[in-house]
Amino acid sequence: MEEFKVLDFIFAILQITLAVGLMGFWGMFYVTEYKNKDRKMSETEYKHELSFPLPDLGWVLPNLIISSIGLLLREPFGYFFTITAASGMMFLGLIDLAFNLQNKGFNIKEHGFDAYMSIFIVSIMLILGPIFLIFGWFNMML
């Protein structure tokens, strides 16, 4: 049996946390903004957000779950799916970054808490994405 790797466990927990966070974010979105006819966000922002559930829940989330299972079971597929999750995270983070920069979505005075939330989400995706990618790549090479 392969030795227990602390980093695999830490990355698996991070991936599970992100997966739960994604489910929670979209659950809250559909309970609040989606149903709210008097929503705070503009129609452009709303339509932009509606483009994210499919890639978030249909690609990144399953890859995070599969990768975390693989890492916890000490199976090589965990590293592969860590890389695929990372690529999706980075792509979605960059799309969100570009949109928010073009549409002043990070303006805290104008958007308040929503700007902080956007900054947080983009930061998580663009920091953890490359870290996951490097972690998966170097472990697949071993």
N, C-alpha and C. Protein backbone atom coordinates (compact mmCIF):
# COMPACT_ATOMS: atom_id res chain seq x y z
N MET A 1 0.84 -1.19 0.00
CA MET A 1 0.00 0.00 0.00
C MET A 1 0.89 1.25 0.00
N GLU A 2 0.51 2.22 -0.81
CA GLU A 2 1.29 3.44 -0.92
C GLU A 2 1.21 4.24 0.38
N GLU A 3 2.30 4.94 0.66
CA GLU A 3 2.35 5.74 1.88
C GLU A 3 1.37 6.91 1.84
N PHE A 4 0.93 7.30 3.00
CA PHE A 4 0.02 8.43 3.13
C PHE A 4 0.77 9.72 2.81
N LYS A 5 0.19 10.56 1.97
CA LYS A 5 0.81 11.82 1.60
C LYS A 5 -0.04 12.96 2.16
N VAL A 6 0.58 13.75 3.02
CA VAL A 6 -0.13 14.85 3.67
C VAL A 6 -0.62 15.86 2.65
N LEU A 7 0.22 16.18 1.65
CA LEU A 7 -0.20 17.15 0.63
C LEU A 7 -1.41 16.67 -0.16
N ASP A 8 -1.48 15.38 -0.46
CA ASP A 8 -2.65 14.85 -1.15
C ASP A 8 -3.90 15.09 -0.32
N PHE A 9 -3.80 14.84 0.96
CA PHE A 9 -4.94 15.04 1.86
C PHE A 9 -5.34 16.52 1.92
N ILE A 10 -4.36 17.39 2.03
CA ILE A 10 -4.64 18.84 2.09
C ILE A 10 -5.31 19.30 0.80
N PHE A 11 -4.79 18.87 -0.33
CA PHE A 11 -5.38 19.27 -1.61
C PHE A 11 -6.79 18.69 -1.77
N ALA A 12 -7.00 17.46 -1.32
CA ALA A 12 -8.33 16.86 -1.40
C ALA A 12 -9.32 17.67 -0.56
N ILE A 13 -8.92 18.09 0.62
CA ILE A 13 -9.80 18.89 1.48
C ILE A 13 -10.08 20.25 0.83
N LEU A 14 -9.06 20.86 0.24
CA LEU A 14 -9.28 22.12 -0.49
C LEU A 14 -10.27 21.93 -1.63
N GLN A 15 -10.14 20.84 -2.34
CA GLN A 15 -11.03 20.57 -3.47
C GLN A 15 -12.46 20.32 -3.01
N ILE A 16 -12.61 19.59 -1.94
CA ILE A 16 -13.95 19.35 -1.38
C ILE A 16 -14.56 20.66 -0.92
N THR A 17 -13.76 21.50 -0.27
CA THR A 17 -14.24 22.80 0.20
C THR A 17 -14.69 23.66 -0.97
N LEU A 18 -13.91 23.68 -2.04
CA LEU A 18 -14.29 24.44 -3.24
C LEU A 18 -15.56 23.89 -3.87
N ALA A 19 -15.69 22.58 -3.91
CA ALA A 19 -16.89 21.96 -4.49
C ALA A 19 -18.12 22.35 -3.68
N VAL A 20 -18.01 22.28 -2.36
CA VAL A 20 -19.14 22.69 -1.50
C VAL A 20 -19.42 24.18 -1.68
N GLY A 21 -18.36 24.98 -1.80
CA GLY A 21 -18.54 26.42 -2.03
C GLY A 21 -19.25 26.72 -3.33
N LEU A 22 -18.89 26.00 -4.39
CA LEU A 22 -19.58 26.18 -5.68
C LEU A 22 -21.06 25.82 -5.58
N MET A 23 -21.34 24.70 -4.93
CA MET A 23 -22.75 24.31 -4.77
C MET A 23 -23.50 25.34 -3.94
N GLY A 24 -22.86 25.82 -2.88
CA GLY A 24 -23.49 26.82 -2.02
C GLY A 24 -23.73 28.13 -2.75
N PHE A 25 -22.73 28.57 -3.52
CA PHE A 25 -22.87 29.82 -4.26
C PHE A 25 -24.05 29.75 -5.23
N TRP A 26 -24.11 28.67 -6.01
CA TRP A 26 -25.19 28.56 -6.99
C TRP A 26 -26.53 28.31 -6.33
N GLY A 27 -26.54 27.61 -5.23
CA GLY A 27 -27.79 27.46 -4.47
C GLY A 27 -28.31 28.80 -4.02
N MET A 28 -27.42 29.63 -3.46
CA MET A 28 -27.82 30.97 -3.01
C MET A 28 -28.25 31.84 -4.19
N PHE A 29 -27.52 31.74 -5.29
CA PHE A 29 -27.85 32.54 -6.47
C PHE A 29 -29.26 32.23 -6.94
N TYR A 30 -29.60 30.95 -7.02
CA TYR A 30 -30.92 30.58 -7.52
C TYR A 30 -32.03 30.87 -6.51
N VAL A 31 -31.70 30.92 -5.25
CA VAL A 31 -32.70 31.25 -4.23
C VAL A 31 -32.92 32.76 -4.15
N THR A 32 -31.87 33.54 -4.43
CA THR A 32 -31.98 35.00 -4.27
C THR A 32 -32.09 35.71 -5.62
N GLU A 33 -30.98 35.90 -6.29
CA GLU A 33 -30.95 36.71 -7.51
C GLU A 33 -31.81 36.17 -8.64
N TYR A 34 -31.80 34.88 -8.84
CA TYR A 34 -32.52 34.29 -9.96
C TYR A 34 -34.02 34.51 -9.83
N LYS A 35 -34.54 34.40 -8.62
CA LYS A 35 -35.98 34.56 -8.39
C LYS A 35 -36.39 36.00 -8.19
N ASN A 36 -35.43 36.87 -7.88
CA ASN A 36 -35.72 38.25 -7.53
C ASN A 36 -35.95 39.10 -8.78
N LYS A 37 -37.15 39.59 -8.95
CA LYS A 37 -37.47 40.45 -10.10
C LYS A 37 -36.85 41.84 -9.93
N ASP A 38 -36.58 42.25 -8.69
CA ASP A 38 -35.97 43.56 -8.41
C ASP A 38 -34.50 43.38 -8.04
N ARG A 39 -33.78 42.58 -8.81
CA ARG A 39 -32.39 42.27 -8.47
C ARG A 39 -31.51 43.50 -8.53
N LYS A 40 -30.44 43.46 -7.75
CA LYS A 40 -29.49 44.57 -7.68
C LYS A 40 -28.60 44.64 -8.92
N MET A 41 -28.26 43.49 -9.47
CA MET A 41 -27.33 43.48 -10.60
C MET A 41 -28.01 43.91 -11.89
N SER A 42 -27.22 44.48 -12.77
CA SER A 42 -27.74 44.92 -14.06
C SER A 42 -28.10 43.70 -14.91
N GLU A 43 -28.82 43.94 -15.97
CA GLU A 43 -29.20 42.85 -16.89
C GLU A 43 -27.95 42.21 -17.51
N THR A 44 -26.94 43.03 -17.81
CA THR A 44 -25.69 42.52 -18.37
C THR A 44 -24.99 41.60 -17.38
N GLU A 45 -24.90 42.05 -16.12
CA GLU A 45 -24.26 41.23 -15.07
C GLU A 45 -25.04 39.93 -14.86
N TYR A 46 -26.36 40.05 -14.85
CA TYR A 46 -27.22 38.89 -14.65
C TYR A 46 -27.00 37.85 -15.76
N LYS A 47 -26.99 38.31 -17.00
CA LYS A 47 -26.78 37.39 -18.12
C LYS A 47 -25.38 36.78 -18.08
N HIS A 48 -24.41 37.57 -17.64
CA HIS A 48 -23.05 37.05 -17.50
C HIS A 48 -23.03 35.93 -16.47
N GLU A 49 -23.66 36.14 -15.33
CA GLU A 49 -23.71 35.12 -14.28
C GLU A 49 -24.40 33.85 -14.77
N LEU A 50 -25.42 34.00 -15.58
CA LEU A 50 -26.16 32.83 -16.07
C LEU A 50 -25.33 31.95 -17.01
N SER A 51 -24.18 32.47 -17.47
CA SER A 51 -23.32 31.65 -18.32
C SER A 51 -22.39 30.75 -17.51
N PHE A 52 -22.35 30.92 -16.19
CA PHE A 52 -21.41 30.18 -15.36
C PHE A 52 -21.91 28.87 -14.74
N PRO A 53 -23.20 28.68 -14.47
CA PRO A 53 -23.59 27.43 -13.81
C PRO A 53 -23.17 26.16 -14.55
N LEU A 54 -23.33 26.14 -15.87
CA LEU A 54 -22.98 24.92 -16.60
C LEU A 54 -21.49 24.59 -16.48
N PRO A 55 -20.57 25.52 -16.76
CA PRO A 55 -19.16 25.15 -16.59
C PRO A 55 -18.77 24.92 -15.13
N ASP A 56 -19.34 25.70 -14.20
CA ASP A 56 -19.02 25.51 -12.78
C ASP A 56 -19.53 24.17 -12.27
N LEU A 57 -20.82 23.91 -12.51
CA LEU A 57 -21.45 22.70 -11.96
C LEU A 57 -21.29 21.49 -12.86
N GLY A 58 -21.07 21.72 -14.15
CA GLY A 58 -20.97 20.61 -15.10
C GLY A 58 -19.54 20.20 -15.41
N TRP A 59 -18.57 21.06 -15.09
CA TRP A 59 -17.18 20.70 -15.38
C TRP A 59 -16.29 20.80 -14.14
N VAL A 60 -16.19 22.00 -13.57
CA VAL A 60 -15.27 22.20 -12.45
C VAL A 60 -15.68 21.37 -11.24
N LEU A 61 -16.95 21.42 -10.86
CA LEU A 61 -17.42 20.67 -9.69
C LEU A 61 -17.17 19.16 -9.82
N PRO A 62 -17.59 18.50 -10.90
CA PRO A 62 -17.31 17.06 -11.00
C PRO A 62 -15.81 16.74 -10.98
N ASN A 63 -15.01 17.59 -11.63
CA ASN A 63 -13.56 17.36 -11.62
C ASN A 63 -12.97 17.51 -10.23
N LEU A 64 -13.47 18.49 -9.47
CA LEU A 64 -13.00 18.65 -8.08
C LEU A 64 -13.36 17.43 -7.23
N ILE A 65 -14.57 16.94 -7.41
CA ILE A 65 -15.01 15.78 -6.63
C ILE A 65 -14.22 14.53 -7.01
N ILE A 66 -14.08 14.29 -8.31
CA ILE A 66 -13.33 13.11 -8.77
C ILE A 66 -11.87 13.20 -8.33
N SER A 67 -11.28 14.39 -8.46
CA SER A 67 -9.87 14.52 -8.06
C SER A 67 -9.69 14.32 -6.57
N SER A 68 -10.58 14.85 -5.77
CA SER A 68 -10.45 14.69 -4.32
C SER A 68 -10.60 13.21 -3.92
N ILE A 69 -11.51 12.50 -4.58
CA ILE A 69 -11.67 11.07 -4.31
C ILE A 69 -10.37 10.33 -4.68
N GLY A 70 -9.83 10.66 -5.85
CA GLY A 70 -8.59 10.02 -6.29
C GLY A 70 -7.43 10.29 -5.33
N LEU A 71 -7.33 11.53 -4.86
CA LEU A 71 -6.25 11.86 -3.93
C LEU A 71 -6.42 11.13 -2.61
N LEU A 72 -7.65 11.08 -2.11
CA LEU A 72 -7.90 10.40 -0.83
C LEU A 72 -7.66 8.90 -0.93
N LEU A 73 -7.95 8.34 -2.10
CA LEU A 73 -7.72 6.89 -2.31
C LEU A 73 -6.29 6.60 -2.76
N ARG A 74 -5.49 7.64 -2.93
CA ARG A 74 -4.11 7.53 -3.38
C ARG A 74 -4.01 6.87 -4.76
N GLU A 75 -4.94 7.29 -5.62
CA GLU A 75 -4.97 6.79 -6.99
C GLU A 75 -4.43 7.86 -7.95
N PRO A 76 -3.69 7.46 -8.97
CA PRO A 76 -3.10 8.42 -9.91
C PRO A 76 -4.12 9.31 -10.63
N PHE A 77 -5.35 8.81 -10.82
CA PHE A 77 -6.33 9.65 -11.52
C PHE A 77 -6.65 10.92 -10.74
N GLY A 78 -6.36 10.94 -9.44
CA GLY A 78 -6.58 12.14 -8.64
C GLY A 78 -5.76 13.30 -9.14
N TYR A 79 -4.54 13.04 -9.58
CA TYR A 79 -3.67 14.11 -10.09
C TYR A 79 -4.16 14.60 -11.46
N PHE A 80 -4.57 13.66 -12.30
CA PHE A 80 -5.10 14.05 -13.62
C PHE A 80 -6.31 14.97 -13.47
N PHE A 81 -7.24 14.58 -12.61
CA PHE A 81 -8.45 15.39 -12.45
C PHE A 81 -8.19 16.67 -11.66
N THR A 82 -7.11 16.70 -10.90
CA THR A 82 -6.70 17.96 -10.28
C THR A 82 -6.30 18.95 -11.37
N ILE A 83 -5.60 18.45 -12.39
CA ILE A 83 -5.20 19.31 -13.51
C ILE A 83 -6.41 19.78 -14.31
N THR A 84 -7.35 18.88 -14.57
CA THR A 84 -8.52 19.29 -15.37
C THR A 84 -9.38 20.28 -14.58
N ALA A 85 -9.51 20.09 -13.28
CA ALA A 85 -10.25 21.06 -12.45
C ALA A 85 -9.54 22.41 -12.48
N ALA A 86 -8.22 22.37 -12.36
CA ALA A 86 -7.43 23.60 -12.34
C ALA A 86 -7.59 24.39 -13.64
N SER A 87 -7.58 23.69 -14.77
CA SER A 87 -7.71 24.40 -16.04
C SER A 87 -9.07 25.09 -16.14
N GLY A 88 -10.12 24.41 -15.69
CA GLY A 88 -11.45 25.03 -15.69
C GLY A 88 -11.52 26.22 -14.75
N MET A 89 -10.92 26.08 -13.58
CA MET A 89 -10.90 27.18 -12.61
C MET A 89 -10.19 28.39 -13.18
N MET A 90 -9.05 28.17 -13.82
CA MET A 90 -8.28 29.28 -14.37
C MET A 90 -9.04 29.96 -15.50
N PHE A 91 -9.64 29.17 -16.38
CA PHE A 91 -10.39 29.75 -17.49
C PHE A 91 -11.56 30.59 -16.97
N LEU A 92 -12.34 30.03 -16.05
CA LEU A 92 -13.49 30.76 -15.52
C LEU A 92 -13.05 31.99 -14.72
N GLY A 93 -11.95 31.87 -14.00
CA GLY A 93 -11.42 33.02 -13.26
C GLY A 93 -11.00 34.14 -14.20
N LEU A 94 -10.37 33.79 -15.31
CA LEU A 94 -9.94 34.80 -16.28
C LEU A 94 -11.13 35.45 -16.98
N ILE A 95 -12.14 34.66 -17.32
CA ILE A 95 -13.35 35.23 -17.94
C ILE A 95 -14.02 36.21 -16.98
N ASP A 96 -14.14 35.81 -15.72
CA ASP A 96 -14.76 36.67 -14.72
C ASP A 96 -13.92 37.92 -14.47
N LEU A 97 -12.60 37.76 -14.44
CA LEU A 97 -11.70 38.91 -14.27
C LEU A 97 -11.89 39.89 -15.41
N ALA A 98 -11.87 39.40 -16.64
CA ALA A 98 -12.02 40.28 -17.81
C ALA A 98 -13.36 41.00 -17.78
N PHE A 99 -14.44 40.28 -17.48
CA PHE A 99 -15.76 40.90 -17.44
C PHE A 99 -15.82 42.00 -16.37
N ASN A 100 -15.32 41.67 -15.18
CA ASN A 100 -15.39 42.64 -14.08
C ASN A 100 -14.51 43.86 -14.33
N LEU A 101 -13.37 43.68 -14.96
CA LEU A 101 -12.52 44.83 -15.29
C LEU A 101 -13.20 45.72 -16.33
N GLN A 102 -13.83 45.11 -17.32
CA GLN A 102 -14.49 45.88 -18.37
C GLN A 102 -15.75 46.59 -17.88
N ASN A 103 -16.41 46.01 -16.87
CA ASN A 103 -17.69 46.54 -16.42
C ASN A 103 -17.65 47.11 -15.00
N LYS A 104 -16.45 47.40 -14.52
CA LYS A 104 -16.25 48.00 -13.18
C LYS A 104 -16.91 47.18 -12.07
N GLY A 105 -16.85 45.86 -12.22
CA GLY A 105 -17.45 44.97 -11.24
C GLY A 105 -16.70 44.92 -9.93
N PHE A 106 -15.45 45.40 -9.91
CA PHE A 106 -14.67 45.41 -8.69
C PHE A 106 -14.77 46.74 -7.95
N ASN A 107 -15.63 47.65 -8.43
CA ASN A 107 -15.81 48.96 -7.79
C ASN A 107 -16.59 48.79 -6.49
N ILE A 108 -15.89 48.86 -5.38
CA ILE A 108 -16.50 48.61 -4.07
C ILE A 108 -17.52 49.68 -3.72
N LYS A 109 -17.25 50.94 -4.09
CA LYS A 109 -18.20 52.01 -3.78
C LYS A 109 -19.53 51.80 -4.50
N GLU A 110 -19.45 51.31 -5.72
CA GLU A 110 -20.66 51.13 -6.52
C GLU A 110 -21.37 49.80 -6.22
N HIS A 111 -20.59 48.75 -5.99
CA HIS A 111 -21.17 47.41 -5.86
C HIS A 111 -21.12 46.83 -4.45
N GLY A 112 -20.43 47.47 -3.54
CA GLY A 112 -20.40 47.04 -2.14
C GLY A 112 -19.96 45.60 -1.97
N PHE A 113 -20.75 44.82 -1.23
CA PHE A 113 -20.42 43.43 -0.92
C PHE A 113 -20.23 42.59 -2.17
N ASP A 114 -21.01 42.84 -3.21
CA ASP A 114 -20.89 42.06 -4.45
C ASP A 114 -19.50 42.21 -5.07
N ALA A 115 -18.90 43.42 -4.94
CA ALA A 115 -17.54 43.62 -5.46
C ALA A 115 -16.55 42.78 -4.66
N TYR A 116 -16.71 42.76 -3.33
CA TYR A 116 -15.84 41.92 -2.50
C TYR A 116 -15.99 40.45 -2.88
N MET A 117 -17.21 40.03 -3.12
CA MET A 117 -17.47 38.64 -3.49
C MET A 117 -16.80 38.32 -4.83
N SER A 118 -16.91 39.22 -5.79
CA SER A 118 -16.26 39.02 -7.09
C SER A 118 -14.75 38.95 -6.96
N ILE A 119 -14.19 39.84 -6.17
CA ILE A 119 -12.73 39.84 -5.95
C ILE A 119 -12.31 38.52 -5.31
N PHE A 120 -13.08 38.07 -4.32
CA PHE A 120 -12.77 36.82 -3.63
C PHE A 120 -12.81 35.63 -4.59
N ILE A 121 -13.88 35.53 -5.36
CA ILE A 121 -14.05 34.40 -6.27
C ILE A 121 -12.95 34.37 -7.34
N VAL A 122 -12.70 35.51 -7.96
CA VAL A 122 -11.65 35.58 -8.98
C VAL A 122 -10.29 35.24 -8.37
N SER A 123 -10.03 35.76 -7.19
CA SER A 123 -8.75 35.48 -6.52
C SER A 123 -8.58 34.00 -6.23
N ILE A 124 -9.62 33.38 -5.70
CA ILE A 124 -9.55 31.94 -5.40
C ILE A 124 -9.27 31.15 -6.67
N MET A 125 -9.98 31.45 -7.73
CA MET A 125 -9.80 30.70 -8.98
C MET A 125 -8.42 30.91 -9.58
N LEU A 126 -7.93 32.16 -9.52
CA LEU A 126 -6.65 32.45 -10.18
C LEU A 126 -5.44 32.19 -9.29
N ILE A 127 -5.65 31.93 -8.02
CA ILE A 127 -4.54 31.53 -7.14
C ILE A 127 -4.51 30.01 -7.03
N LEU A 128 -5.65 29.41 -6.68
CA LEU A 128 -5.67 27.96 -6.50
C LEU A 128 -5.58 27.20 -7.83
N GLY A 129 -6.09 27.77 -8.91
CA GLY A 129 -6.01 27.10 -10.21
C GLY A 129 -4.58 26.75 -10.58
N PRO A 130 -3.67 27.73 -10.64
CA PRO A 130 -2.28 27.40 -10.97
C PRO A 130 -1.60 26.50 -9.93
N ILE A 131 -1.94 26.67 -8.66
CA ILE A 131 -1.37 25.81 -7.63
C ILE A 131 -1.81 24.36 -7.84
N PHE A 132 -3.11 24.15 -8.12
CA PHE A 132 -3.61 22.80 -8.40
C PHE A 132 -2.93 22.23 -9.64
N LEU A 133 -2.78 23.06 -10.67
CA LEU A 133 -2.17 22.62 -11.92
C LEU A 133 -0.74 22.14 -11.69
N ILE A 134 0.04 22.93 -10.98
CA ILE A 134 1.43 22.57 -10.70
C ILE A 134 1.50 21.32 -9.83
N PHE A 135 0.65 21.25 -8.80
CA PHE A 135 0.61 20.09 -7.92
C PHE A 135 0.29 18.82 -8.71
N GLY A 136 -0.74 18.87 -9.54
CA GLY A 136 -1.12 17.70 -10.32
C GLY A 136 -0.05 17.30 -11.31
N TRP A 137 0.51 18.29 -11.99
CA TRP A 137 1.53 18.02 -13.01
C TRP A 137 2.75 17.35 -12.39
N PHE A 138 3.29 17.93 -11.33
CA PHE A 138 4.51 17.37 -10.75
C PHE A 138 4.27 15.99 -10.15
N ASN A 139 3.10 15.74 -9.62
CA ASN A 139 2.80 14.42 -9.07
C ASN A 139 2.55 13.38 -10.15
N MET A 140 2.06 13.81 -11.29
CA MET A 140 1.87 12.86 -12.40
C MET A 140 3.22 12.47 -12.99
N MET A 141 4.20 13.35 -12.87
CA MET A 141 5.52 13.10 -13.45
C MET A 141 6.35 12.15 -12.58
N LEU A 142 5.95 11.97 -11.32
CA LEU A 142 6.73 11.11 -10.42
C LEU A 142 6.59 9.65 -10.77
